[in-house]
Amino acid sequence: MKKIIALGLAAALLTTTAYAKPKKAKKVKIGIAKIVQHVALDDVERGVMDAIKDAGIDADYDLQNANGDVGTAAQIAAQYKAEKVNVAVGIATPVALAMANTMKDIPIVFGTVTDPLGAGLVSTLEHGERNVTGMSDAIPTEQHIALFKEICGIKTLGYIYTSSEDNSASALELVKKGCEQAGIALVTQSITKSDEVKAAAEAIVDRVDGIYLSTDNTVFSALPALVNVFGKAKKPIFSGDVTGAKAGGIALASGFNYYKAGRATGDMVVQILNGKKPAEMPVRFMTDPSDSDFLVDLDVFKALGIKLDDKYLNMANLVFENGVLTEK
C-alpha cells in the first residue's frame, strides 16, 4: 500500500514539474518584402515587426526589397516558398501578387494595397481569398482634389503614375473622377521606373497649377527630385502620403500613418500565427480618425505667396514652419 502511494506521489510530482516548466514556443520564420525602399514602406515594415514582437512571438525575419522590379518580386516569392516561411508579408501590390501567384499553401498578408479587388488578390472585401488577406491603403482621392482646389485655387492638376502598377491604374481613375467632380483639367504623365520621375515632373510642371500624389511607390521612391522641380517652379504639391511630406517642400499632405498601418498588418499576422485562417479575415482599412494625419507646410505657402486660412491650419496636426516640423 505504501509503495503504491509513493508511486502516485512521484507521478504527481513529475506532472507538477512538467507544468512548471512549459516547453519554449517554437521560433517562427516570417518573410517581409516590399516593392521599393522609401520612408512610408519602411514604416510599414517596422510596424509589422513591432506588432509581432509586442504579441510575444519569437520570430526570425527574411527582409527583402524588390527594388521596383516585378521579376525580382517573383524571385523573392519563390525564395520564401523554398524556405517554407510561416507567413509571408507583401508590402505593395506587385510583391503581394508575386506571392499569391507563387505560394498556394503559405499564409500571405498584403500591406498597403490600394485596390485588392482590382488587383485580383481577393474577390470580396468581406473575407480573404484562400491563403491571402491583408490591409488596404485606399485614400479619399476625390476629397483631396476638392480640398486642393479650395485652398490653392488650382485649375489644372498634374498627376504622375506608374503605368505597370495595378494600384496606380486604379488611382488614376479616382484622380480623373476627382478632377471631373471639381471641374478642373488633368494633365498626366506615366513612368515605368523611379529614375524617370524627375523628367516626368519637368515635362508637366509648366502645364499645370499644381500636382497631386497618390500612394504610388515608384513616384515616392524619387520624391525629392519631384519636390525640387515643383519647388523651383513655385507650384504646390498635395500628397496622399504624409510620411514623405515630413521632409518639407510639400504644401499639403493628408493620409493615414504608415507605421500604424504596419502595426495593423502585423496584428493580422499575429492572428494567423495563433490559428486564424486568412480566408476568415476581412480586408482591413485604416478608417479611424486617429490613424490619419494632416500636414501643412507654411514655408511652402509663403514661397507660393498664398495666405493659408486659419481654418485649414487648425485642421492640421502637423505644421512645417521655418524648417521645423511641429506636431500639435
C-alpha atoms as a PDB file:
ATOM      1  CA  MET A   1       0.000   0.000   0.000  1.00  0.00           C
ATOM      2  CA  LYS A   2       2.814   2.415   0.963  1.00  0.00           C
ATOM      3  CA  LYS A   3       4.607   1.532  -2.287  1.00  0.00           C
ATOM      4  CA  ILE A   4       1.500   2.396  -4.339  1.00  0.00           C
ATOM      5  CA  ILE A   5       1.102   5.759  -2.525  1.00  0.00           C
ATOM      6  CA  ALA A   6       4.768   6.568  -3.088  1.00  0.00           C
ATOM      7  CA  LEU A   7       4.484   5.811  -6.811  1.00  0.00           C
ATOM      8  CA  GLY A   8       1.390   8.010  -7.012  1.00  0.00           C
ATOM      9  CA  LEU A   9       3.190  10.892  -5.301  1.00  0.00           C
ATOM     10  CA  ALA A  10       6.136  10.524  -7.655  1.00  0.00           C
ATOM     11  CA  ALA A  11       3.860  10.625 -10.683  1.00  0.00           C
ATOM     12  CA  ALA A  12       2.098  13.694  -9.313  1.00  0.00           C
ATOM     13  CA  LEU A  13       5.447  15.374  -8.693  1.00  0.00           C
ATOM     14  CA  LEU A  14       6.585  14.663 -12.258  1.00  0.00           C
ATOM     15  CA  THR A  15       3.294  16.076 -13.606  1.00  0.00           C
ATOM     16  CA  THR A  16       3.636  19.225 -11.492  1.00  0.00           C
ATOM     17  CA  THR A  17       7.212  19.698 -12.631  1.00  0.00           C
ATOM     18  CA  ALA A  18       6.186  19.322 -16.263  1.00  0.00           C
ATOM     19  CA  TYR A  19       3.575  22.072 -15.910  1.00  0.00           C
ATOM     20  CA  ALA A  20       6.007  24.307 -14.024  1.00  0.00           C
ATOM     21  CA  LYS A  21       8.434  24.241 -16.962  1.00  0.00           C
ATOM     22  CA  PRO A  22       6.420  24.599 -20.168  1.00  0.00           C
ATOM     23  CA  LYS A  23       8.137  23.975 -23.460  1.00  0.00           C
ATOM     24  CA  LYS A  24       9.514  27.118 -25.068  1.00  0.00           C
ATOM     25  CA  ALA A  25       7.423  28.315 -28.024  1.00  0.00           C
ATOM     26  CA  LYS A  26       8.936  27.437 -31.380  1.00  0.00           C
ATOM     27  CA  LYS A  27      10.509  30.336 -33.254  1.00  0.00           C
ATOM     28  CA  VAL A  28       8.617  31.253 -36.432  1.00  0.00           C
ATOM     29  CA  LYS A  29      10.031  32.379 -39.778  1.00  0.00           C
ATOM     30  CA  ILE A  30       8.402  35.409 -41.392  1.00  0.00           C
ATOM     31  CA  GLY A  31       9.204  36.816 -44.816  1.00  0.00           C
ATOM     32  CA  ILE A  32       8.561  40.552 -45.356  1.00  0.00           C
ATOM     33  CA  ALA A  33       9.156  42.005 -48.810  1.00  0.00           C
ATOM     34  CA  LYS A  34       8.472  45.497 -50.186  1.00  0.00           C
ATOM     35  CA  ILE A  35       8.437  46.699 -53.784  1.00  0.00           C
ATOM     36  CA  VAL A  36      10.874  49.599 -53.211  1.00  0.00           C
ATOM     37  CA  GLN A  37      12.552  51.311 -50.305  1.00  0.00           C
ATOM     38  CA  HIS A  38      11.164  54.635 -49.132  1.00  0.00           C
ATOM     39  CA  VAL A  39      10.143  56.070 -45.777  1.00  0.00           C
ATOM     40  CA  ALA A  40       6.462  55.053 -45.852  1.00  0.00           C
ATOM     41  CA  LEU A  41       7.126  51.413 -46.740  1.00  0.00           C
ATOM     42  CA  ASP A  42       9.981  51.268 -44.220  1.00  0.00           C
ATOM     43  CA  ASP A  43       7.482  52.431 -41.586  1.00  0.00           C
ATOM     44  CA  VAL A  44       5.064  49.664 -42.613  1.00  0.00           C
ATOM     45  CA  GLU A  45       7.824  47.067 -42.283  1.00  0.00           C
ATOM     46  CA  ARG A  46       8.807  48.405 -38.850  1.00  0.00           C
ATOM     47  CA  GLY A  47       5.187  48.452 -37.694  1.00  0.00           C
ATOM     48  CA  VAL A  48       4.666  44.815 -38.732  1.00  0.00           C
ATOM     49  CA  MET A  49       7.693  43.642 -36.755  1.00  0.00           C
ATOM     50  CA  ASP A  50       6.830  45.723 -33.691  1.00  0.00           C
ATOM     51  CA  ALA A  51       3.279  44.316 -33.565  1.00  0.00           C
ATOM     52  CA  ILE A  52       4.616  40.756 -33.763  1.00  0.00           C
ATOM     53  CA  LYS A  53       7.225  41.445 -31.089  1.00  0.00           C
ATOM     54  CA  ASP A  54       4.668  43.064 -28.765  1.00  0.00           C
ATOM     55  CA  ALA A  55       2.482  39.963 -29.127  1.00  0.00           C
ATOM     56  CA  GLY A  56       5.304  37.974 -27.540  1.00  0.00           C
ATOM     57  CA  ILE A  57       6.085  35.970 -30.677  1.00  0.00           C
ATOM     58  CA  ASP A  58       9.683  34.909 -31.230  1.00  0.00           C
ATOM     59  CA  ALA A  59      10.362  35.424 -34.931  1.00  0.00           C
ATOM     60  CA  ASP A  60      13.189  35.322 -37.436  1.00  0.00           C
ATOM     61  CA  TYR A  61      12.734  37.677 -40.399  1.00  0.00           C
ATOM     62  CA  ASP A  62      13.783  37.488 -44.014  1.00  0.00           C
ATOM     63  CA  LEU A  63      13.517  41.120 -45.154  1.00  0.00           C
ATOM     64  CA  GLN A  64      13.630  41.745 -48.901  1.00  0.00           C
ATOM     65  CA  ASN A  65      13.389  44.705 -51.282  1.00  0.00           C
ATOM     66  CA  ALA A  66      12.386  44.121 -54.921  1.00  0.00           C
ATOM     67  CA  ASN A  67      13.850  47.495 -55.997  1.00  0.00           C
ATOM     68  CA  GLY A  68      10.815  48.203 -58.158  1.00  0.00           C
ATOM     69  CA  ASP A  69      11.258  45.105 -60.309  1.00  0.00           C
ATOM     70  CA  VAL A  70       8.420  42.584 -60.691  1.00  0.00           C
ATOM     71  CA  GLY A  71      10.869  39.874 -61.766  1.00  0.00           C
ATOM     72  CA  THR A  72      12.774  40.319 -58.510  1.00  0.00           C
ATOM     73  CA  ALA A  73       9.465  40.203 -56.620  1.00  0.00           C
ATOM     74  CA  ALA A  74       8.752  36.803 -58.210  1.00  0.00           C
ATOM     75  CA  GLN A  75      12.210  35.554 -57.194  1.00  0.00           C
ATOM     76  CA  ILE A  76      11.618  36.677 -53.601  1.00  0.00           C
ATOM     77  CA  ALA A  77       8.277  34.847 -53.538  1.00  0.00           C
ATOM     78  CA  ALA A  78       9.962  31.675 -54.822  1.00  0.00           C
ATOM     79  CA  GLN A  79      12.621  32.038 -52.128  1.00  0.00           C
ATOM     80  CA  TYR A  80      10.004  32.351 -49.381  1.00  0.00           C
ATOM     81  CA  LYS A  81       8.244  29.266 -50.756  1.00  0.00           C
ATOM     82  CA  ALA A  82      11.504  27.282 -50.662  1.00  0.00           C
ATOM     83  CA  GLU A  83      12.230  28.483 -47.124  1.00  0.00           C
ATOM     84  CA  LYS A  84       8.700  27.463 -46.060  1.00  0.00           C
ATOM     85  CA  VAL A  85       8.134  30.660 -44.106  1.00  0.00           C
ATOM     86  CA  ASN A  86       5.247  30.523 -41.643  1.00  0.00           C
ATOM     87  CA  VAL A  87       3.740  33.752 -43.017  1.00  0.00           C
ATOM     88  CA  ALA A  88       4.726  35.981 -45.950  1.00  0.00           C
ATOM     89  CA  VAL A  89       4.007  39.731 -45.890  1.00  0.00           C
ATOM     90  CA  GLY A  90       3.856  41.540 -49.239  1.00  0.00           C
ATOM     91  CA  ILE A  91       4.132  45.324 -48.960  1.00  0.00           C
ATOM     92  CA  ALA A  92       2.591  46.888 -52.121  1.00  0.00           C
ATOM     93  CA  THR A  93       0.649  45.271 -54.947  1.00  0.00           C
ATOM     94  CA  PRO A  94       3.393  43.818 -57.213  1.00  0.00           C
ATOM     95  CA  VAL A  95       5.029  41.952 -54.333  1.00  0.00           C
ATOM     96  CA  ALA A  96       1.707  40.710 -52.938  1.00  0.00           C
ATOM     97  CA  LEU A  97       0.683  39.466 -56.398  1.00  0.00           C
ATOM     98  CA  ALA A  98       4.000  37.666 -56.870  1.00  0.00           C
ATOM     99  CA  MET A  99       3.465  35.896 -53.551  1.00  0.00           C
ATOM    100  CA  ALA A 100      -0.160  34.997 -54.325  1.00  0.00           C
ATOM    101  CA  ASN A 101       0.850  33.555 -57.702  1.00  0.00           C
ATOM    102  CA  THR A 102       3.712  31.525 -56.237  1.00  0.00           C
ATOM    103  CA  MET A 103       2.618  30.361 -52.796  1.00  0.00           C
ATOM    104  CA  LYS A 104      -0.670  28.496 -52.516  1.00  0.00           C
ATOM    105  CA  ASP A 105      -0.229  26.847 -49.114  1.00  0.00           C
ATOM    106  CA  ILE A 106       1.615  29.544 -47.146  1.00  0.00           C
ATOM    107  CA  PRO A 107      -0.455  32.319 -45.485  1.00  0.00           C
ATOM    108  CA  ILE A 108       0.041  35.671 -47.217  1.00  0.00           C
ATOM    109  CA  VAL A 109      -0.778  39.060 -45.697  1.00  0.00           C
ATOM    110  CA  PHE A 110      -0.620  42.034 -48.050  1.00  0.00           C
ATOM    111  CA  GLY A 111       0.086  45.529 -46.762  1.00  0.00           C
ATOM    112  CA  THR A 112      -0.683  48.931 -48.361  1.00  0.00           C
ATOM    113  CA  VAL A 113      -2.518  47.584 -51.409  1.00  0.00           C
ATOM    114  CA  THR A 114      -4.839  50.314 -52.702  1.00  0.00           C
ATOM    115  CA  ASP A 115      -7.236  48.133 -54.698  1.00  0.00           C
ATOM    116  CA  PRO A 116      -7.012  44.468 -53.644  1.00  0.00           C
ATOM    117  CA  LEU A 117     -10.183  43.690 -55.606  1.00  0.00           C
ATOM    118  CA  GLY A 118      -8.926  45.226 -58.835  1.00  0.00           C
ATOM    119  CA  ALA A 119      -5.553  43.550 -58.379  1.00  0.00           C
ATOM    120  CA  GLY A 120      -7.266  40.152 -58.073  1.00  0.00           C
ATOM    121  CA  LEU A 121      -5.852  39.394 -54.637  1.00  0.00           C
ATOM    122  CA  VAL A 122      -9.348  38.876 -53.228  1.00  0.00           C
ATOM    123  CA  SER A 123     -12.799  38.546 -54.766  1.00  0.00           C
ATOM    124  CA  THR A 124     -14.571  40.350 -51.898  1.00  0.00           C
ATOM    125  CA  LEU A 125     -13.556  42.691 -49.104  1.00  0.00           C
ATOM    126  CA  GLU A 126     -15.665  40.713 -46.653  1.00  0.00           C
ATOM    127  CA  HIS A 127     -13.082  37.954 -46.256  1.00  0.00           C
ATOM    128  CA  GLY A 128      -9.729  36.753 -47.554  1.00  0.00           C
ATOM    129  CA  GLU A 129      -9.166  34.584 -50.609  1.00  0.00           C
ATOM    130  CA  ARG A 130      -7.860  31.081 -49.792  1.00  0.00           C
ATOM    131  CA  ASN A 131      -4.459  31.820 -48.183  1.00  0.00           C
ATOM    132  CA  VAL A 132      -4.484  35.598 -48.816  1.00  0.00           C
ATOM    133  CA  THR A 133      -5.769  38.591 -46.822  1.00  0.00           C
ATOM    134  CA  GLY A 134      -4.399  41.945 -45.767  1.00  0.00           C
ATOM    135  CA  MET A 135      -4.653  45.721 -45.357  1.00  0.00           C
ATOM    136  CA  SER A 136      -5.648  48.340 -47.941  1.00  0.00           C
ATOM    137  CA  ASP A 137      -4.199  51.865 -48.105  1.00  0.00           C
ATOM    138  CA  ALA A 138      -7.062  53.319 -50.132  1.00  0.00           C
ATOM    139  CA  ILE A 139      -7.207  57.114 -49.681  1.00  0.00           C
ATOM    140  CA  PRO A 140     -10.047  59.643 -50.298  1.00  0.00           C
ATOM    141  CA  THR A 141      -8.603  60.946 -53.577  1.00  0.00           C
ATOM    142  CA  GLU A 142     -11.698  62.861 -54.680  1.00  0.00           C
ATOM    143  CA  GLN A 143     -11.906  64.766 -51.385  1.00  0.00           C
ATOM    144  CA  HIS A 144      -8.175  65.548 -51.583  1.00  0.00           C
ATOM    145  CA  ILE A 145      -8.528  67.094 -55.034  1.00  0.00           C
ATOM    146  CA  ALA A 146     -11.534  69.162 -53.965  1.00  0.00           C
ATOM    147  CA  LEU A 147      -9.572  70.436 -50.945  1.00  0.00           C
ATOM    148  CA  PHE A 148      -6.541  71.217 -53.137  1.00  0.00           C
ATOM    149  CA  LYS A 149      -8.698  73.365 -55.429  1.00  0.00           C
ATOM    150  CA  GLU A 150     -10.360  75.069 -52.463  1.00  0.00           C
ATOM    151  CA  ILE A 151      -7.081  76.024 -50.778  1.00  0.00           C
ATOM    152  CA  CYS A 152      -4.736  76.670 -53.711  1.00  0.00           C
ATOM    153  CA  GLY A 153      -7.216  77.640 -56.444  1.00  0.00           C
ATOM    154  CA  ILE A 154      -5.800  75.189 -58.988  1.00  0.00           C
ATOM    155  CA  LYS A 155      -7.484  74.967 -62.389  1.00  0.00           C
ATOM    156  CA  THR A 156      -5.197  72.343 -63.963  1.00  0.00           C
ATOM    157  CA  LEU A 157      -3.881  69.360 -61.991  1.00  0.00           C
ATOM    158  CA  GLY A 158      -0.779  67.296 -62.751  1.00  0.00           C
ATOM    159  CA  TYR A 159      -0.527  63.610 -61.973  1.00  0.00           C
ATOM    160  CA  ILE A 160       2.398  61.184 -62.437  1.00  0.00           C
ATOM    161  CA  TYR A 161       1.751  57.459 -62.201  1.00  0.00           C
ATOM    162  CA  THR A 162       3.476  54.122 -62.789  1.00  0.00           C
ATOM    163  CA  SER A 163       1.841  52.505 -65.801  1.00  0.00           C
ATOM    164  CA  SER A 164       2.891  48.968 -64.833  1.00  0.00           C
ATOM    165  CA  GLU A 165       1.324  49.040 -61.346  1.00  0.00           C
ATOM    166  CA  ASP A 166      -2.298  47.944 -60.855  1.00  0.00           C
ATOM    167  CA  ASN A 167      -2.548  50.271 -57.855  1.00  0.00           C
ATOM    168  CA  SER A 168      -1.582  53.253 -59.972  1.00  0.00           C
ATOM    169  CA  ALA A 169      -4.069  52.404 -62.715  1.00  0.00           C
ATOM    170  CA  SER A 170      -6.857  52.252 -60.117  1.00  0.00           C
ATOM    171  CA  ALA A 171      -5.685  55.506 -58.535  1.00  0.00           C
ATOM    172  CA  LEU A 172      -5.641  57.227 -61.936  1.00  0.00           C
ATOM    173  CA  GLU A 173      -9.350  56.511 -62.391  1.00  0.00           C
ATOM    174  CA  LEU A 174     -10.065  58.095 -58.994  1.00  0.00           C
ATOM    175  CA  VAL A 175      -7.972  61.143 -59.905  1.00  0.00           C
ATOM    176  CA  LYS A 176      -9.912  61.528 -63.177  1.00  0.00           C
ATOM    177  CA  LYS A 177     -13.178  61.294 -61.260  1.00  0.00           C
ATOM    178  CA  GLY A 178     -11.994  63.812 -58.673  1.00  0.00           C
ATOM    179  CA  CYS A 179     -10.970  66.310 -61.361  1.00  0.00           C
ATOM    180  CA  GLU A 180     -14.282  65.881 -63.159  1.00  0.00           C
ATOM    181  CA  GLN A 181     -16.216  66.498 -59.939  1.00  0.00           C
ATOM    182  CA  ALA A 182     -14.084  69.530 -59.064  1.00  0.00           C
ATOM    183  CA  GLY A 183     -14.318  70.965 -62.579  1.00  0.00           C
ATOM    184  CA  ILE A 184     -10.576  71.105 -63.197  1.00  0.00           C
ATOM    185  CA  ALA A 185      -8.408  69.880 -66.079  1.00  0.00           C
ATOM    186  CA  LEU A 186      -5.984  66.964 -65.695  1.00  0.00           C
ATOM    187  CA  VAL A 187      -2.526  66.507 -67.223  1.00  0.00           C
ATOM    188  CA  THR A 188      -0.980  63.061 -66.729  1.00  0.00           C
ATOM    189  CA  GLN A 189       2.457  61.592 -67.283  1.00  0.00           C
ATOM    190  CA  SER A 190       3.252  57.889 -66.997  1.00  0.00           C
ATOM    191  CA  ILE A 191       6.533  56.353 -65.859  1.00  0.00           C
ATOM    192  CA  THR A 192       7.869  52.816 -65.520  1.00  0.00           C
ATOM    193  CA  LYS A 193      10.719  53.296 -63.027  1.00  0.00           C
ATOM    194  CA  SER A 194      11.873  55.741 -60.370  1.00  0.00           C
ATOM    195  CA  ASP A 195      14.665  57.368 -62.375  1.00  0.00           C
ATOM    196  CA  GLU A 196      12.014  58.692 -64.788  1.00  0.00           C
ATOM    197  CA  VAL A 197      10.247  60.753 -62.106  1.00  0.00           C
ATOM    198  CA  LYS A 198      12.344  63.909 -62.495  1.00  0.00           C
ATOM    199  CA  ALA A 199      11.915  64.005 -66.291  1.00  0.00           C
ATOM    200  CA  ALA A 200       8.168  63.390 -65.898  1.00  0.00           C
ATOM    201  CA  ALA A 201       7.898  66.276 -63.439  1.00  0.00           C
ATOM    202  CA  GLU A 202       9.821  68.557 -65.787  1.00  0.00           C
ATOM    203  CA  ALA A 203       7.558  67.522 -68.669  1.00  0.00           C
ATOM    204  CA  ILE A 204       4.360  68.703 -66.977  1.00  0.00           C
ATOM    205  CA  VAL A 205       5.341  71.380 -64.447  1.00  0.00           C
ATOM    206  CA  ASP A 206       4.794  74.308 -66.856  1.00  0.00           C
ATOM    207  CA  ARG A 207       1.421  72.950 -67.973  1.00  0.00           C
ATOM    208  CA  VAL A 208      -0.240  72.639 -64.549  1.00  0.00           C
ATOM    209  CA  ASP A 209      -1.087  74.750 -61.492  1.00  0.00           C
ATOM    210  CA  GLY A 210      -0.118  72.011 -59.050  1.00  0.00           C
ATOM    211  CA  ILE A 211       0.415  68.259 -58.748  1.00  0.00           C
ATOM    212  CA  TYR A 212      -1.355  65.555 -56.773  1.00  0.00           C
ATOM    213  CA  LEU A 213       0.474  62.492 -55.470  1.00  0.00           C
ATOM    214  CA  SER A 214      -1.388  59.298 -54.661  1.00  0.00           C
ATOM    215  CA  THR A 215       0.325  56.368 -52.919  1.00  0.00           C
ATOM    216  CA  ASP A 216       2.442  55.406 -55.947  1.00  0.00           C
ATOM    217  CA  ASN A 217       5.533  53.693 -54.555  1.00  0.00           C
ATOM    218  CA  THR A 218       7.715  54.287 -57.614  1.00  0.00           C
ATOM    219  CA  VAL A 219       6.975  58.020 -57.553  1.00  0.00           C
ATOM    220  CA  PHE A 220       7.644  58.242 -53.826  1.00  0.00           C
ATOM    221  CA  SER A 221      10.954  56.431 -54.142  1.00  0.00           C
ATOM    222  CA  ALA A 222      12.181  59.503 -56.106  1.00  0.00           C
ATOM    223  CA  LEU A 223      10.131  62.127 -54.250  1.00  0.00           C
ATOM    224  CA  PRO A 224      12.972  64.639 -53.597  1.00  0.00           C
ATOM    225  CA  ALA A 225      13.515  65.064 -57.348  1.00  0.00           C
ATOM    226  CA  LEU A 226       9.830  65.855 -57.922  1.00  0.00           C
ATOM    227  CA  VAL A 227       9.692  68.246 -54.955  1.00  0.00           C
ATOM    228  CA  ASN A 228      12.737  70.056 -56.293  1.00  0.00           C
ATOM    229  CA  VAL A 229      11.201  70.551 -59.756  1.00  0.00           C
ATOM    230  CA  PHE A 230       7.892  71.893 -58.437  1.00  0.00           C
ATOM    231  CA  GLY A 231       9.588  73.945 -55.726  1.00  0.00           C
ATOM    232  CA  LYS A 232      11.699  75.810 -58.281  1.00  0.00           C
ATOM    233  CA  ALA A 233       8.580  76.439 -60.380  1.00  0.00           C
ATOM    234  CA  LYS A 234       6.656  77.617 -57.296  1.00  0.00           C
ATOM    235  CA  LYS A 235       3.843  75.166 -57.944  1.00  0.00           C
ATOM    236  CA  PRO A 236       2.089  73.446 -54.975  1.00  0.00           C
ATOM    237  CA  ILE A 237       2.071  69.717 -54.241  1.00  0.00           C
ATOM    238  CA  PHE A 238      -0.723  67.825 -52.462  1.00  0.00           C
ATOM    239  CA  SER A 239       0.339  64.398 -51.221  1.00  0.00           C
ATOM    240  CA  GLY A 240      -1.871  61.488 -50.219  1.00  0.00           C
ATOM    241  CA  ASP A 241       1.044  60.206 -48.130  1.00  0.00           C
ATOM    242  CA  VAL A 242       2.048  62.318 -45.122  1.00  0.00           C
ATOM    243  CA  THR A 243       5.244  60.389 -44.417  1.00  0.00           C
ATOM    244  CA  GLY A 244       7.144  61.769 -47.408  1.00  0.00           C
ATOM    245  CA  ALA A 245       5.925  65.316 -46.696  1.00  0.00           C
ATOM    246  CA  LYS A 246       7.653  65.398 -43.313  1.00  0.00           C
ATOM    247  CA  ALA A 247      10.927  66.291 -45.031  1.00  0.00           C
ATOM    248  CA  GLY A 248       9.427  69.578 -46.244  1.00  0.00           C
ATOM    249  CA  GLY A 249       8.593  71.051 -49.635  1.00  0.00           C
ATOM    250  CA  ILE A 250       5.023  69.706 -49.944  1.00  0.00           C
ATOM    251  CA  ALA A 251       2.253  72.258 -49.384  1.00  0.00           C
ATOM    252  CA  LEU A 252      -0.435  69.868 -48.163  1.00  0.00           C
ATOM    253  CA  ALA A 253      -0.496  66.211 -47.192  1.00  0.00           C
ATOM    254  CA  SER A 254      -3.332  64.095 -45.884  1.00  0.00           C
ATOM    255  CA  GLY A 255      -3.284  60.375 -45.240  1.00  0.00           C
ATOM    256  CA  PHE A 256      -3.015  57.667 -42.660  1.00  0.00           C
ATOM    257  CA  ASN A 257       0.017  56.922 -40.546  1.00  0.00           C
ATOM    258  CA  TYR A 258       2.032  54.184 -42.267  1.00  0.00           C
ATOM    259  CA  TYR A 259       3.610  52.925 -39.065  1.00  0.00           C
ATOM    260  CA  LYS A 260       0.110  52.369 -37.654  1.00  0.00           C
ATOM    261  CA  ALA A 261      -0.813  50.660 -40.929  1.00  0.00           C
ATOM    262  CA  GLY A 262       2.169  48.369 -40.421  1.00  0.00           C
ATOM    263  CA  ARG A 263       1.026  47.532 -36.917  1.00  0.00           C
ATOM    264  CA  ALA A 264      -2.469  46.754 -38.242  1.00  0.00           C
ATOM    265  CA  THR A 265      -0.879  44.432 -40.820  1.00  0.00           C
ATOM    266  CA  GLY A 266       1.267  42.857 -38.105  1.00  0.00           C
ATOM    267  CA  ASP A 267      -1.821  42.237 -35.961  1.00  0.00           C
ATOM    268  CA  MET A 268      -3.249  40.194 -38.833  1.00  0.00           C
ATOM    269  CA  VAL A 269      -0.033  38.170 -38.974  1.00  0.00           C
ATOM    270  CA  VAL A 270      -0.327  37.515 -35.232  1.00  0.00           C
ATOM    271  CA  GLN A 271      -3.899  36.277 -35.637  1.00  0.00           C
ATOM    272  CA  ILE A 272      -2.766  33.841 -38.339  1.00  0.00           C
ATOM    273  CA  LEU A 273       0.125  32.579 -36.212  1.00  0.00           C
ATOM    274  CA  ASN A 274      -2.422  31.996 -33.439  1.00  0.00           C
ATOM    275  CA  GLY A 275      -4.522  29.777 -35.686  1.00  0.00           C
ATOM    276  CA  LYS A 276      -6.851  32.031 -37.684  1.00  0.00           C
ATOM    277  CA  LYS A 277      -7.243  31.311 -41.412  1.00  0.00           C
ATOM    278  CA  PRO A 278      -6.668  34.131 -43.945  1.00  0.00           C
ATOM    279  CA  ALA A 279      -9.911  33.187 -45.696  1.00  0.00           C
ATOM    280  CA  GLU A 280     -11.792  34.026 -42.465  1.00  0.00           C
ATOM    281  CA  MET A 281     -10.308  37.522 -42.147  1.00  0.00           C
ATOM    282  CA  PRO A 282     -11.801  40.564 -43.929  1.00  0.00           C
ATOM    283  CA  VAL A 283      -9.603  43.099 -45.709  1.00  0.00           C
ATOM    284  CA  ARG A 284      -8.680  45.793 -43.213  1.00  0.00           C
ATOM    285  CA  PHE A 285      -8.924  49.550 -43.827  1.00  0.00           C
ATOM    286  CA  MET A 286      -7.470  52.447 -41.829  1.00  0.00           C
ATOM    287  CA  THR A 287     -10.713  54.319 -41.111  1.00  0.00           C
ATOM    288  CA  ASP A 288     -10.259  55.603 -37.558  1.00  0.00           C
ATOM    289  CA  PRO A 289      -9.587  59.393 -37.490  1.00  0.00           C
ATOM    290  CA  SER A 290      -6.696  58.779 -35.096  1.00  0.00           C
ATOM    291  CA  ASP A 291      -5.000  56.744 -37.829  1.00  0.00           C
ATOM    292  CA  SER A 292      -4.727  59.781 -40.121  1.00  0.00           C
ATOM    293  CA  ASP A 293      -2.575  62.919 -40.262  1.00  0.00           C
ATOM    294  CA  PHE A 294      -2.993  66.307 -41.971  1.00  0.00           C
ATOM    295  CA  LEU A 295       0.144  68.319 -42.689  1.00  0.00           C
ATOM    296  CA  VAL A 296       0.546  71.893 -43.910  1.00  0.00           C
ATOM    297  CA  ASP A 297       3.902  73.424 -44.862  1.00  0.00           C
ATOM    298  CA  LEU A 298       3.744  77.159 -44.114  1.00  0.00           C
ATOM    299  CA  ASP A 299       7.184  77.660 -45.646  1.00  0.00           C
ATOM    300  CA  VAL A 300       5.824  76.442 -48.978  1.00  0.00           C
ATOM    301  CA  PHE A 301       2.721  78.622 -48.736  1.00  0.00           C
ATOM    302  CA  LYS A 302       4.929  81.638 -48.025  1.00  0.00           C
ATOM    303  CA  ALA A 303       7.069  80.854 -51.077  1.00  0.00           C
ATOM    304  CA  LEU A 304       3.907  80.453 -53.184  1.00  0.00           C
ATOM    305  CA  GLY A 305       2.508  83.763 -51.946  1.00  0.00           C
ATOM    306  CA  ILE A 306      -0.684  82.064 -50.718  1.00  0.00           C
ATOM    307  CA  LYS A 307      -2.208  83.045 -47.350  1.00  0.00           C
ATOM    308  CA  LEU A 308      -3.489  79.890 -45.689  1.00  0.00           C
ATOM    309  CA  ASP A 309      -6.841  80.362 -43.980  1.00  0.00           C
ATOM    310  CA  ASP A 310      -6.728  79.676 -40.230  1.00  0.00           C
ATOM    311  CA  LYS A 311      -9.467  77.052 -40.521  1.00  0.00           C
ATOM    312  CA  TYR A 312      -7.124  74.819 -42.524  1.00  0.00           C
ATOM    313  CA  LEU A 313      -4.243  75.497 -40.170  1.00  0.00           C
ATOM    314  CA  ASN A 314      -6.467  74.468 -37.265  1.00  0.00           C
ATOM    315  CA  MET A 315      -7.276  71.198 -39.067  1.00  0.00           C
ATOM    316  CA  ALA A 316      -3.597  70.246 -39.230  1.00  0.00           C
ATOM    317  CA  ASN A 317      -1.908  68.101 -36.602  1.00  0.00           C
ATOM    318  CA  LEU A 318       1.476  68.542 -38.329  1.00  0.00           C
ATOM    319  CA  VAL A 319       2.799  72.003 -39.235  1.00  0.00           C
ATOM    320  CA  PHE A 320       6.042  72.794 -41.028  1.00  0.00           C
ATOM    321  CA  GLU A 321       7.333  76.317 -40.380  1.00  0.00           C
ATOM    322  CA  ASN A 322      10.804  77.892 -40.559  1.00  0.00           C
ATOM    323  CA  GLY A 323      12.239  74.494 -41.457  1.00  0.00           C
ATOM    324  CA  VAL A 324      10.854  72.821 -38.331  1.00  0.00           C
ATOM    325  CA  LEU A 325       8.081  70.227 -38.175  1.00  0.00           C
ATOM    326  CA  THR A 326       5.788  70.592 -35.163  1.00  0.00           C
ATOM    327  CA  GLU A 327       3.166  68.100 -34.050  1.00  0.00           C
ATOM    328  CA  LYS A 328       0.083  69.501 -32.333  1.00  0.00           C
END
